[in-house]
C-alpha atoms as a PDB file:
ATOM      1  CA  UNK A   1     103.490  67.839  31.978  1.00  0.00           C
ATOM      2  CA  UNK A   2     106.654  70.119  31.177  1.00  0.00           C
ATOM      3  CA  UNK A   3     108.605  69.374  27.704  1.00  0.00           C
ATOM      4  CA  UNK A   4     112.110  69.178  28.757  1.00  0.00           C
ATOM      5  CA  UNK A   5     113.050  70.680  25.142  1.00  0.00           C
ATOM      6  CA  UNK A   6     110.907  73.620  26.066  1.00  0.00           C
ATOM      7  CA  UNK A   7     110.519  76.221  28.785  1.00  0.00           C
ATOM      8  CA  UNK A   8     106.900  76.463  28.742  1.00  0.00           C
ATOM      9  CA  UNK A   9     104.038  74.299  30.334  1.00  0.00           C
ATOM     10  CA  UNK A  10     102.190  72.443  27.969  1.00  0.00           C
ATOM     11  CA  UNK A  11      99.831  71.181  30.861  1.00  0.00           C
ATOM     12  CA  UNK A  12      97.022  73.604  30.262  1.00  0.00           C
ATOM     13  CA  UNK A  13      97.477  73.525  26.211  1.00  0.00           C
ATOM     14  CA  UNK A  14      97.271  69.856  26.708  1.00  0.00           C
ATOM     15  CA  UNK A  15      93.959  69.791  28.323  1.00  0.00           C
ATOM     16  CA  UNK A  16      92.282  72.415  26.276  1.00  0.00           C
ATOM     17  CA  UNK A  17      92.955  70.325  23.579  1.00  0.00           C
ATOM     18  CA  UNK A  18      91.643  67.426  25.422  1.00  0.00           C
ATOM     19  CA  UNK A  19      88.268  69.301  26.148  1.00  0.00           C
ATOM     20  CA  UNK A  20      88.104  70.348  22.551  1.00  0.00           C
ATOM     21  CA  UNK A  21      88.353  66.685  21.284  1.00  0.00           C
ATOM     22  CA  UNK A  22      85.812  65.625  23.850  1.00  0.00           C
ATOM     23  CA  UNK A  23      83.388  68.456  22.792  1.00  0.00           C
ATOM     24  CA  UNK A  24      83.904  67.739  19.209  1.00  0.00           C
ATOM     25  CA  UNK A  25      83.078  64.049  19.803  1.00  0.00           C
ATOM     26  CA  UNK A  26      79.756  64.891  21.968  1.00  0.00           C
ATOM     27  CA  UNK A  27      78.760  66.946  19.071  1.00  0.00           C
ATOM     28  CA  UNK A  28      79.482  64.081  16.551  1.00  0.00           C
ATOM     29  CA  UNK A  29      77.445  61.886  18.656  1.00  0.00           C
ATOM     30  CA  UNK A  30      74.528  63.900  19.211  1.00  0.00           C
ATOM     31  CA  UNK A  31      74.264  64.786  15.305  1.00  0.00           C
ATOM     32  CA  UNK A  32      74.778  60.873  14.941  1.00  0.00           C
ATOM     33  CA  UNK A  33      71.563  60.620  16.869  1.00  0.00           C
ATOM     34  CA  UNK A  34      70.011  63.232  14.981  1.00  0.00           C
ATOM     35  CA  UNK A  35      70.647  61.423  11.769  1.00  0.00           C
ATOM     36  CA  UNK A  36      69.732  57.970  13.205  1.00  0.00           C
ATOM     37  CA  UNK A  37      66.074  59.402  14.294  1.00  0.00           C
ATOM     38  CA  UNK A  38      65.832  61.415  11.032  1.00  0.00           C
ATOM     39  CA  UNK A  39      66.629  58.105   9.099  1.00  0.00           C
ATOM     40  CA  UNK A  40      64.118  56.387  11.420  1.00  0.00           C
ATOM     41  CA  UNK A  41      61.141  58.707  11.143  1.00  0.00           C
ATOM     42  CA  UNK A  42      62.027  58.875   7.030  1.00  0.00           C
ATOM     43  CA  UNK A  43      61.775  55.454   7.266  1.00  0.00           C
ATOM     44  CA  UNK A  44      58.523  55.212   8.976  1.00  0.00           C
ATOM     45  CA  UNK A  45      56.958  57.635   6.528  1.00  0.00           C
ATOM     46  CA  UNK A  46      58.060  55.354   3.652  1.00  0.00           C
ATOM     47  CA  UNK A  47      56.465  52.661   4.818  1.00  0.00           C
ATOM     48  CA  UNK A  48      53.086  54.378   5.925  1.00  0.00           C
ATOM     49  CA  UNK A  49      53.132  55.864   2.366  1.00  0.00           C
ATOM     50  CA  UNK A  50      53.937  52.330   0.328  1.00  0.00           C
ATOM     51  CA  UNK A  51      51.226  50.754   2.310  1.00  0.00           C
ATOM     52  CA  UNK A  52      48.469  52.136   0.242  1.00  0.00           C
ATOM     53  CA  UNK A  53      50.437  51.254  -2.947  1.00  0.00           C
ATOM     54  CA  UNK A  54      51.286  47.554  -1.712  1.00  0.00           C
ATOM     55  CA  UNK A  55      47.489  47.222  -0.994  1.00  0.00           C
ATOM     56  CA  UNK A  56      46.283  48.647  -4.746  1.00  0.00           C
ATOM     57  CA  UNK A  57      49.369  46.623  -6.099  1.00  0.00           C
ATOM     58  CA  UNK A  58      47.900  43.434  -4.650  1.00  0.00           C
ATOM     59  CA  UNK A  59      44.166  44.539  -5.826  1.00  0.00           C
ATOM     60  CA  UNK A  60      45.522  44.939  -9.220  1.00  0.00           C
ATOM     61  CA  UNK A  61      47.020  41.419  -9.227  1.00  0.00           C
ATOM     62  CA  UNK A  62      43.985  39.798  -7.912  1.00  0.00           C
ATOM     63  CA  UNK A  63      41.681  41.750 -10.443  1.00  0.00           C
ATOM     64  CA  UNK A  64      44.160  40.491 -13.317  1.00  0.00           C
ATOM     65  CA  UNK A  65      44.394  36.896 -11.992  1.00  0.00           C
ATOM     66  CA  UNK A  66      40.239  37.085 -11.894  1.00  0.00           C
ATOM     67  CA  UNK A  67      40.122  38.052 -15.367  1.00  0.00           C
ATOM     68  CA  UNK A  68      42.658  35.636 -16.878  1.00  0.00           C
ATOM     69  CA  UNK A  69      40.629  32.736 -14.818  1.00  0.00           C
ATOM     70  CA  UNK A  70      37.524  34.187 -16.517  1.00  0.00           C
ATOM     71  CA  UNK A  71      38.942  34.472 -19.808  1.00  0.00           C
ATOM     72  CA  UNK A  72      40.269  30.983 -19.692  1.00  0.00           C
ATOM     73  CA  UNK A  73      37.187  29.763 -18.780  1.00  0.00           C
ATOM     74  CA  UNK A  74      35.327  31.428 -21.352  1.00  0.00           C
ATOM     75  CA  UNK A  75      38.067  29.875 -23.772  1.00  0.00           C
ATOM     76  CA  UNK A  76      37.556  26.663 -22.451  1.00  0.00           C
ATOM     77  CA  UNK A  77      33.592  26.372 -22.963  1.00  0.00           C
ATOM     78  CA  UNK A  78      33.959  27.728 -26.396  1.00  0.00           C
ATOM     79  CA  UNK A  79      36.350  24.894 -26.994  1.00  0.00           C
ATOM     80  CA  UNK A  80      33.921  22.455 -25.873  1.00  0.00           C
ATOM     81  CA  UNK A  81      31.003  23.934 -27.585  1.00  0.00           C
ATOM     82  CA  UNK A  82      33.049  23.645 -30.783  1.00  0.00           C
ATOM     83  CA  UNK A  83      34.019  19.823 -29.989  1.00  0.00           C
ATOM     84  CA  UNK A  84      30.541  19.112 -29.468  1.00  0.00           C
ATOM     85  CA  UNK A  85      29.387  20.932 -32.979  1.00  0.00           C
ATOM     86  CA  UNK A  86      32.111  18.935 -34.567  1.00  0.00           C
ATOM     87  CA  UNK A  87      30.970  15.563 -32.961  1.00  0.00           C
ATOM     88  CA  UNK A  88      27.407  16.488 -33.580  1.00  0.00           C
ATOM     89  CA  UNK A  89      28.212  17.004 -37.254  1.00  0.00           C
ATOM     90  CA  UNK A  90      29.945  13.995 -37.721  1.00  0.00           C
ATOM     91  CA  UNK A  91      26.917  11.749 -35.808  1.00  0.00           C
ATOM     92  CA  UNK A  92      24.314  13.188 -38.296  1.00  0.00           C
ATOM     93  CA  UNK A  93      26.699  12.321 -41.304  1.00  0.00           C
ATOM     94  CA  UNK A  94      27.077   9.232 -39.732  1.00  0.00           C
ATOM     95  CA  UNK A  95      23.501   8.299 -39.071  1.00  0.00           C
ATOM     96  CA  UNK A  96      22.816   9.609 -42.684  1.00  0.00           C
ATOM     97  CA  UNK A  97      25.150   7.225 -44.044  1.00  0.00           C
ATOM     98  CA  UNK A  98      23.818   4.254 -41.922  1.00  0.00           C
ATOM     99  CA  UNK A  99      20.408   5.164 -43.191  1.00  0.00           C
ATOM    100  CA  UNK A 100      21.167   5.565 -46.768  1.00  0.00           C
ATOM    101  CA  UNK A 101      23.277   2.287 -46.428  1.00  0.00           C
ATOM    102  CA  UNK A 102      20.280   0.310 -45.151  1.00  0.00           C
ATOM    103  CA  UNK A 103      17.541   1.635 -47.276  1.00  0.00           C
ATOM    104  CA  UNK A 104      20.239   0.662 -50.482  1.00  0.00           C
ATOM    105  CA  UNK A 105      20.614  -2.412 -48.565  1.00  0.00           C
ATOM    106  CA  UNK A 106      16.762  -2.838 -47.857  1.00  0.00           C
ATOM    107  CA  UNK A 107      15.815  -2.305 -51.640  1.00  0.00           C
ATOM    108  CA  UNK A 108      18.494  -4.531 -52.623  1.00  0.00           C
ATOM    109  CA  UNK A 109      17.201  -7.211 -50.576  1.00  0.00           C
ATOM    110  CA  UNK A 110      13.353  -6.655 -52.027  1.00  0.00           C
ATOM    111  CA  UNK A 111      14.333  -6.776 -55.972  1.00  0.00           C
ATOM    112  CA  UNK A 112      15.523 -10.269 -55.298  1.00  0.00           C
END
């Protein structure tokens, strides 16, 4: 292709520039592919490394949940025992009071 304002033929320069641009594009595509591959490998590596941590975290959560459940059961049993003790004490007081009242009532009736 000849520039009308120029006395030089620009075809060879244009072809050289097109080839150079094409080569740069190919290099860029190759670099992008390598970068994708590297990112994919790193993602797989991270997934592999994080798997034991995830398992360990689940195990810790399970242990904590079991410990909390055990503590809740212990606390509930302790509360039941305290309630039973209070009820037992009130029953003893009530029965003692009833026996005293009946004894006083019997003595009163016998004295008549």
